[in-house]
Amino acid sequence: RFEPQRNDPLLNSYSRVMELAWLANTDIKTVMSLDAAMNYISKYASKSEQNAPAFPELLK
């Protein structure tokens, strides 16, 4: 059984229940202030979406 270091700064905080329900990678962080929440929301809403290659392109 793989047991990663719990204090590794590159290891995401996650919820096992949320991962089982969502079936995807999750990253849980506590927002400690209204400013931090507004900063996160504005960064998330304004980030550009990267286009993935079309499926036939992946097969080449």
PDB file of N, CA and C in Angstrom:
ATOM      1  N   ARG A   1       0.844  -1.186   0.000  1.00  0.00           N
ATOM      2  CA  ARG A   1       0.000   0.000   0.000  1.00  0.00           C
ATOM      3  C   ARG A   1       0.882   1.240   0.000  1.00  0.00           C
ATOM      4  N   PHE A   2       0.567   2.188  -0.873  1.00  0.00           N
ATOM      5  CA  PHE A   2       1.331   3.431  -0.994  1.00  0.00           C
ATOM      6  C   PHE A   2       0.891   4.424   0.074  1.00  0.00           C
ATOM      7  N   GLU A   3       1.824   4.900   0.878  1.00  0.00           N
ATOM      8  CA  GLU A   3       1.545   5.897   1.914  1.00  0.00           C
ATOM      9  C   GLU A   3       2.453   7.101   1.685  1.00  0.00           C
ATOM     10  N   PRO A   4       1.978   8.157   1.005  1.00  0.00           N
ATOM     11  CA  PRO A   4       2.834   9.321   0.753  1.00  0.00           C
ATOM     12  C   PRO A   4       3.086  10.109   2.028  1.00  0.00           C
ATOM     13  N   GLN A   5       4.146  10.914   2.011  1.00  0.00           N
ATOM     14  CA  GLN A   5       4.416  11.783   3.147  1.00  0.00           C
ATOM     15  C   GLN A   5       3.268  12.766   3.293  1.00  0.00           C
ATOM     16  N   ARG A   6       2.822  12.973   4.492  1.00  0.00           N
ATOM     17  CA  ARG A   6       1.683  13.863   4.714  1.00  0.00           C
ATOM     18  C   ARG A   6       2.088  15.330   4.755  1.00  0.00           C
ATOM     19  N   ASN A   7       3.364  15.618   4.945  1.00  0.00           N
ATOM     20  CA  ASN A   7       3.794  17.011   5.019  1.00  0.00           C
ATOM     21  C   ASN A   7       4.484  17.473   3.734  1.00  0.00           C
ATOM     22  N   ASP A   8       4.352  16.727   2.665  1.00  0.00           N
ATOM     23  CA  ASP A   8       4.951  17.104   1.387  1.00  0.00           C
ATOM     24  C   ASP A   8       4.195  18.303   0.818  1.00  0.00           C
ATOM     25  N   PRO A   9       4.889  19.423   0.518  1.00  0.00           N
ATOM     26  CA  PRO A   9       4.200  20.623   0.035  1.00  0.00           C
ATOM     27  C   PRO A   9       3.559  20.445  -1.342  1.00  0.00           C
ATOM     28  N   LEU A  10       3.963  19.428  -2.097  1.00  0.00           N
ATOM     29  CA  LEU A  10       3.389  19.213  -3.422  1.00  0.00           C
ATOM     30  C   LEU A  10       2.186  18.261  -3.398  1.00  0.00           C
ATOM     31  N   LEU A  11       1.840  17.743  -2.236  1.00  0.00           N
ATOM     32  CA  LEU A  11       0.717  16.820  -2.111  1.00  0.00           C
ATOM     33  C   LEU A  11      -0.570  17.607  -1.879  1.00  0.00           C
ATOM     34  N   ASN A  12      -1.583  17.392  -2.726  1.00  0.00           N
ATOM     35  CA  ASN A  12      -2.865  18.090  -2.583  1.00  0.00           C
ATOM     36  C   ASN A  12      -3.597  17.611  -1.343  1.00  0.00           C
ATOM     37  N   SER A  13      -4.284  18.537  -0.693  1.00  0.00           N
ATOM     38  CA  SER A  13      -5.231  18.161   0.348  1.00  0.00           C
ATOM     39  C   SER A  13      -6.487  17.699  -0.370  1.00  0.00           C
ATOM     40  N   TYR A  14      -7.089  16.608   0.086  1.00  0.00           N
ATOM     41  CA  TYR A  14      -8.255  16.096  -0.623  1.00  0.00           C
ATOM     42  C   TYR A  14      -9.230  15.472   0.356  1.00  0.00           C
ATOM     43  N   SER A  15     -10.429  15.254  -0.113  1.00  0.00           N
ATOM     44  CA  SER A  15     -11.467  14.581   0.649  1.00  0.00           C
ATOM     45  C   SER A  15     -11.771  13.263  -0.047  1.00  0.00           C
ATOM     46  N   ARG A  16     -11.591  12.158   0.637  1.00  0.00           N
ATOM     47  CA  ARG A  16     -11.817  10.840   0.035  1.00  0.00           C
ATOM     48  C   ARG A  16     -13.274  10.689  -0.414  1.00  0.00           C
ATOM     49  N   VAL A  17     -14.211  11.181   0.393  1.00  0.00           N
ATOM     50  CA  VAL A  17     -15.630  11.092   0.039  1.00  0.00           C
ATOM     51  C   VAL A  17     -15.907  11.893  -1.227  1.00  0.00           C
ATOM     52  N   MET A  18     -15.333  13.096  -1.305  1.00  0.00           N
ATOM     53  CA  MET A  18     -15.548  13.943  -2.475  1.00  0.00           C
ATOM     54  C   MET A  18     -14.935  13.312  -3.725  1.00  0.00           C
ATOM     55  N   GLU A  19     -13.769  12.699  -3.590  1.00  0.00           N
ATOM     56  CA  GLU A  19     -13.142  12.049  -4.748  1.00  0.00           C
ATOM     57  C   GLU A  19     -13.981  10.878  -5.250  1.00  0.00           C
ATOM     58  N   LEU A  20     -14.551  10.107  -4.344  1.00  0.00           N
ATOM     59  CA  LEU A  20     -15.385   8.981  -4.764  1.00  0.00           C
ATOM     60  C   LEU A  20     -16.664   9.458  -5.439  1.00  0.00           C
ATOM     61  N   ALA A  21     -17.213  10.572  -4.972  1.00  0.00           N
ATOM     62  CA  ALA A  21     -18.438  11.102  -5.572  1.00  0.00           C
ATOM     63  C   ALA A  21     -18.152  11.787  -6.907  1.00  0.00           C
ATOM     64  N   TRP A  22     -17.058  12.531  -6.976  1.00  0.00           N
ATOM     65  CA  TRP A  22     -16.748  13.327  -8.169  1.00  0.00           C
ATOM     66  C   TRP A  22     -16.030  12.506  -9.232  1.00  0.00           C
ATOM     67  N   LEU A  23     -15.295  11.472  -8.827  1.00  0.00           N
ATOM     68  CA  LEU A  23     -14.508  10.608  -9.711  1.00  0.00           C
ATOM     69  C   LEU A  23     -13.489  11.401 -10.521  1.00  0.00           C
ATOM     70  N   ALA A  24     -12.860  12.367  -9.869  1.00  0.00           N
ATOM     71  CA  ALA A  24     -11.831  13.189 -10.504  1.00  0.00           C
ATOM     72  C   ALA A  24     -10.935  13.761  -9.410  1.00  0.00           C
ATOM     73  N   ASN A  25      -9.856  14.388  -9.825  1.00  0.00           N
ATOM     74  CA  ASN A  25      -8.946  15.009  -8.880  1.00  0.00           C
ATOM     75  C   ASN A  25      -9.622  16.188  -8.187  1.00  0.00           C
ATOM     76  N   THR A  26      -9.453  16.283  -6.890  1.00  0.00           N
ATOM     77  CA  THR A  26      -9.982  17.420  -6.132  1.00  0.00           C
ATOM     78  C   THR A  26      -8.859  18.008  -5.296  1.00  0.00           C
ATOM     79  N   ASP A  27      -8.975  19.264  -4.977  1.00  0.00           N
ATOM     80  CA  ASP A  27      -7.983  19.955  -4.156  1.00  0.00           C
ATOM     81  C   ASP A  27      -8.746  20.796  -3.143  1.00  0.00           C
ATOM     82  N   ILE A  28      -8.669  20.434  -1.877  1.00  0.00           N
ATOM     83  CA  ILE A  28      -9.418  21.102  -0.821  1.00  0.00           C
ATOM     84  C   ILE A  28      -8.496  22.075  -0.097  1.00  0.00           C
ATOM     85  N   LYS A  29      -8.904  23.320  -0.013  1.00  0.00           N
ATOM     86  CA  LYS A  29      -8.161  24.319   0.757  1.00  0.00           C
ATOM     87  C   LYS A  29      -9.153  25.171   1.530  1.00  0.00           C
ATOM     88  N   THR A  30      -8.776  25.583   2.721  1.00  0.00           N
ATOM     89  CA  THR A  30      -9.619  26.438   3.537  1.00  0.00           C
ATOM     90  C   THR A  30      -9.405  27.886   3.141  1.00  0.00           C
ATOM     91  N   VAL A  31     -10.497  28.608   2.931  1.00  0.00           N
ATOM     92  CA  VAL A  31     -10.416  30.035   2.624  1.00  0.00           C
ATOM     93  C   VAL A  31     -10.611  30.776   3.939  1.00  0.00           C
ATOM     94  N   MET A  32      -9.602  31.562   4.329  1.00  0.00           N
ATOM     95  CA  MET A  32      -9.604  32.181   5.650  1.00  0.00           C
ATOM     96  C   MET A  32     -10.166  33.597   5.691  1.00  0.00           C
ATOM     97  N   SER A  33     -10.398  34.224   4.544  1.00  0.00           N
ATOM     98  CA  SER A  33     -10.914  35.593   4.567  1.00  0.00           C
ATOM     99  C   SER A  33     -11.725  35.871   3.309  1.00  0.00           C
ATOM    100  N   LEU A  34     -12.515  36.924   3.363  1.00  0.00           N
ATOM    101  CA  LEU A  34     -13.301  37.327   2.206  1.00  0.00           C
ATOM    102  C   LEU A  34     -12.390  37.744   1.062  1.00  0.00           C
ATOM    103  N   ASP A  35     -11.290  38.441   1.376  1.00  0.00           N
ATOM    104  CA  ASP A  35     -10.340  38.847   0.333  1.00  0.00           C
ATOM    105  C   ASP A  35      -9.749  37.630  -0.381  1.00  0.00           C
ATOM    106  N   ALA A  36      -9.398  36.602   0.375  1.00  0.00           N
ATOM    107  CA  ALA A  36      -8.840  35.386  -0.225  1.00  0.00           C
ATOM    108  C   ALA A  36      -9.876  34.704  -1.120  1.00  0.00           C
ATOM    109  N   ALA A  37     -11.131  34.681  -0.686  1.00  0.00           N
ATOM    110  CA  ALA A  37     -12.196  34.074  -1.489  1.00  0.00           C
ATOM    111  C   ALA A  37     -12.410  34.856  -2.780  1.00  0.00           C
ATOM    112  N   MET A  38     -12.450  36.176  -2.692  1.00  0.00           N
ATOM    113  CA  MET A  38     -12.653  37.012  -3.879  1.00  0.00           C
ATOM    114  C   MET A  38     -11.479  36.870  -4.847  1.00  0.00           C
ATOM    115  N   ASN A  39     -10.265  36.797  -4.315  1.00  0.00           N
ATOM    116  CA  ASN A  39      -9.077  36.629  -5.151  1.00  0.00           C
ATOM    117  C   ASN A  39      -9.134  35.288  -5.892  1.00  0.00           C
ATOM    118  N   TYR A  40      -9.492  34.224  -5.186  1.00  0.00           N
ATOM    119  CA  TYR A  40      -9.586  32.901  -5.804  1.00  0.00           C
ATOM    120  C   TYR A  40     -10.655  32.881  -6.902  1.00  0.00           C
ATOM    121  N   ILE A  41     -11.823  33.423  -6.594  1.00  0.00           N
ATOM    122  CA  ILE A  41     -12.926  33.416  -7.561  1.00  0.00           C
ATOM    123  C   ILE A  41     -12.572  34.218  -8.799  1.00  0.00           C
ATOM    124  N   SER A  42     -11.954  35.388  -8.606  1.00  0.00           N
ATOM    125  CA  SER A  42     -11.615  36.218  -9.772  1.00  0.00           C
ATOM    126  C   SER A  42     -10.527  35.559 -10.623  1.00  0.00           C
ATOM    127  N   LYS A  43      -9.534  34.927  -9.997  1.00  0.00           N
ATOM    128  CA  LYS A  43      -8.499  34.222 -10.767  1.00  0.00           C
ATOM    129  C   LYS A  43      -9.099  33.047 -11.530  1.00  0.00           C
ATOM    130  N   TYR A  44      -9.983  32.289 -10.874  1.00  0.00           N
ATOM    131  CA  TYR A  44     -10.585  31.119 -11.508  1.00  0.00           C
ATOM    132  C   TYR A  44     -11.482  31.530 -12.670  1.00  0.00           C
ATOM    133  N   ALA A  45     -12.274  32.569 -12.469  1.00  0.00           N
ATOM    134  CA  ALA A  45     -13.224  33.003 -13.501  1.00  0.00           C
ATOM    135  C   ALA A  45     -12.527  33.619 -14.702  1.00  0.00           C
ATOM    136  N   SER A  46     -11.339  34.192 -14.496  1.00  0.00           N
ATOM    137  CA  SER A  46     -10.682  34.895 -15.600  1.00  0.00           C
ATOM    138  C   SER A  46      -9.567  34.090 -16.267  1.00  0.00           C
ATOM    139  N   LYS A  47      -9.310  32.865 -15.795  1.00  0.00           N
ATOM    140  CA  LYS A  47      -8.236  32.096 -16.431  1.00  0.00           C
ATOM    141  C   LYS A  47      -8.694  31.597 -17.793  1.00  0.00           C
ATOM    142  N   SER A  48      -7.769  31.574 -18.721  1.00  0.00           N
ATOM    143  CA  SER A  48      -8.121  31.148 -20.076  1.00  0.00           C
ATOM    144  C   SER A  48      -8.167  29.627 -20.149  1.00  0.00           C
ATOM    145  N   GLU A  49      -9.086  29.138 -20.939  1.00  0.00           N
ATOM    146  CA  GLU A  49      -9.229  27.698 -21.114  1.00  0.00           C
ATOM    147  C   GLU A  49      -8.255  27.227 -22.183  1.00  0.00           C
ATOM    148  N   GLN A  50      -7.495  26.191 -21.864  1.00  0.00           N
ATOM    149  CA  GLN A  50      -6.554  25.641 -22.831  1.00  0.00           C
ATOM    150  C   GLN A  50      -7.276  24.577 -23.649  1.00  0.00           C
ATOM    151  N   ASN A  51      -7.181  24.690 -24.953  1.00  0.00           N
ATOM    152  CA  ASN A  51      -7.840  23.724 -25.831  1.00  0.00           C
ATOM    153  C   ASN A  51      -7.041  22.429 -25.894  1.00  0.00           C
ATOM    154  N   ALA A  52      -7.730  21.334 -25.696  1.00  0.00           N
ATOM    155  CA  ALA A  52      -7.107  20.021 -25.833  1.00  0.00           C
ATOM    156  C   ALA A  52      -7.114  19.643 -27.308  1.00  0.00           C
ATOM    157  N   PRO A  53      -6.147  18.847 -27.735  1.00  0.00           N
ATOM    158  CA  PRO A  53      -6.154  18.419 -29.143  1.00  0.00           C
ATOM    159  C   PRO A  53      -7.370  17.534 -29.431  1.00  0.00           C
ATOM    160  N   ALA A  54      -7.837  17.571 -30.664  1.00  0.00           N
ATOM    161  CA  ALA A  54      -8.954  16.726 -31.076  1.00  0.00           C
ATOM    162  C   ALA A  54      -8.534  15.256 -30.997  1.00  0.00           C
ATOM    163  N   PHE A  55      -9.492  14.383 -30.788  1.00  0.00           N
ATOM    164  CA  PHE A  55      -9.190  12.963 -30.623  1.00  0.00           C
ATOM    165  C   PHE A  55      -8.380  12.381 -31.781  1.00  0.00           C
ATOM    166  N   PRO A  56      -8.723  12.663 -33.047  1.00  0.00           N
ATOM    167  CA  PRO A  56      -7.897  12.116 -34.145  1.00  0.00           C
ATOM    168  C   PRO A  56      -6.442  12.592 -34.086  1.00  0.00           C
ATOM    169  N   GLU A  57      -6.220  13.789 -33.578  1.00  0.00           N
ATOM    170  CA  GLU A  57      -4.849  14.299 -33.450  1.00  0.00           C
ATOM    171  C   GLU A  57      -4.057  13.485 -32.429  1.00  0.00           C
ATOM    172  N   LEU A  58      -4.728  12.992 -31.408  1.00  0.00           N
ATOM    173  CA  LEU A  58      -4.056  12.188 -30.383  1.00  0.00           C
ATOM    174  C   LEU A  58      -3.597  10.839 -30.931  1.00  0.00           C
ATOM    175  N   LEU A  59      -4.282  10.348 -31.947  1.00  0.00           N
ATOM    176  CA  LEU A  59      -3.962   9.036 -32.504  1.00  0.00           C
ATOM    177  C   LEU A  59      -2.778   9.056 -33.459  1.00  0.00           C
ATOM    178  N   LYS A  60      -2.331  10.233 -33.847  1.00  0.00           N
ATOM    179  CA  LYS A  60      -1.214  10.336 -34.804  1.00  0.00           C
ATOM    180  C   LYS A  60       0.102   9.994 -34.162  1.00  0.00           C
TER     181      LYS A  60
END
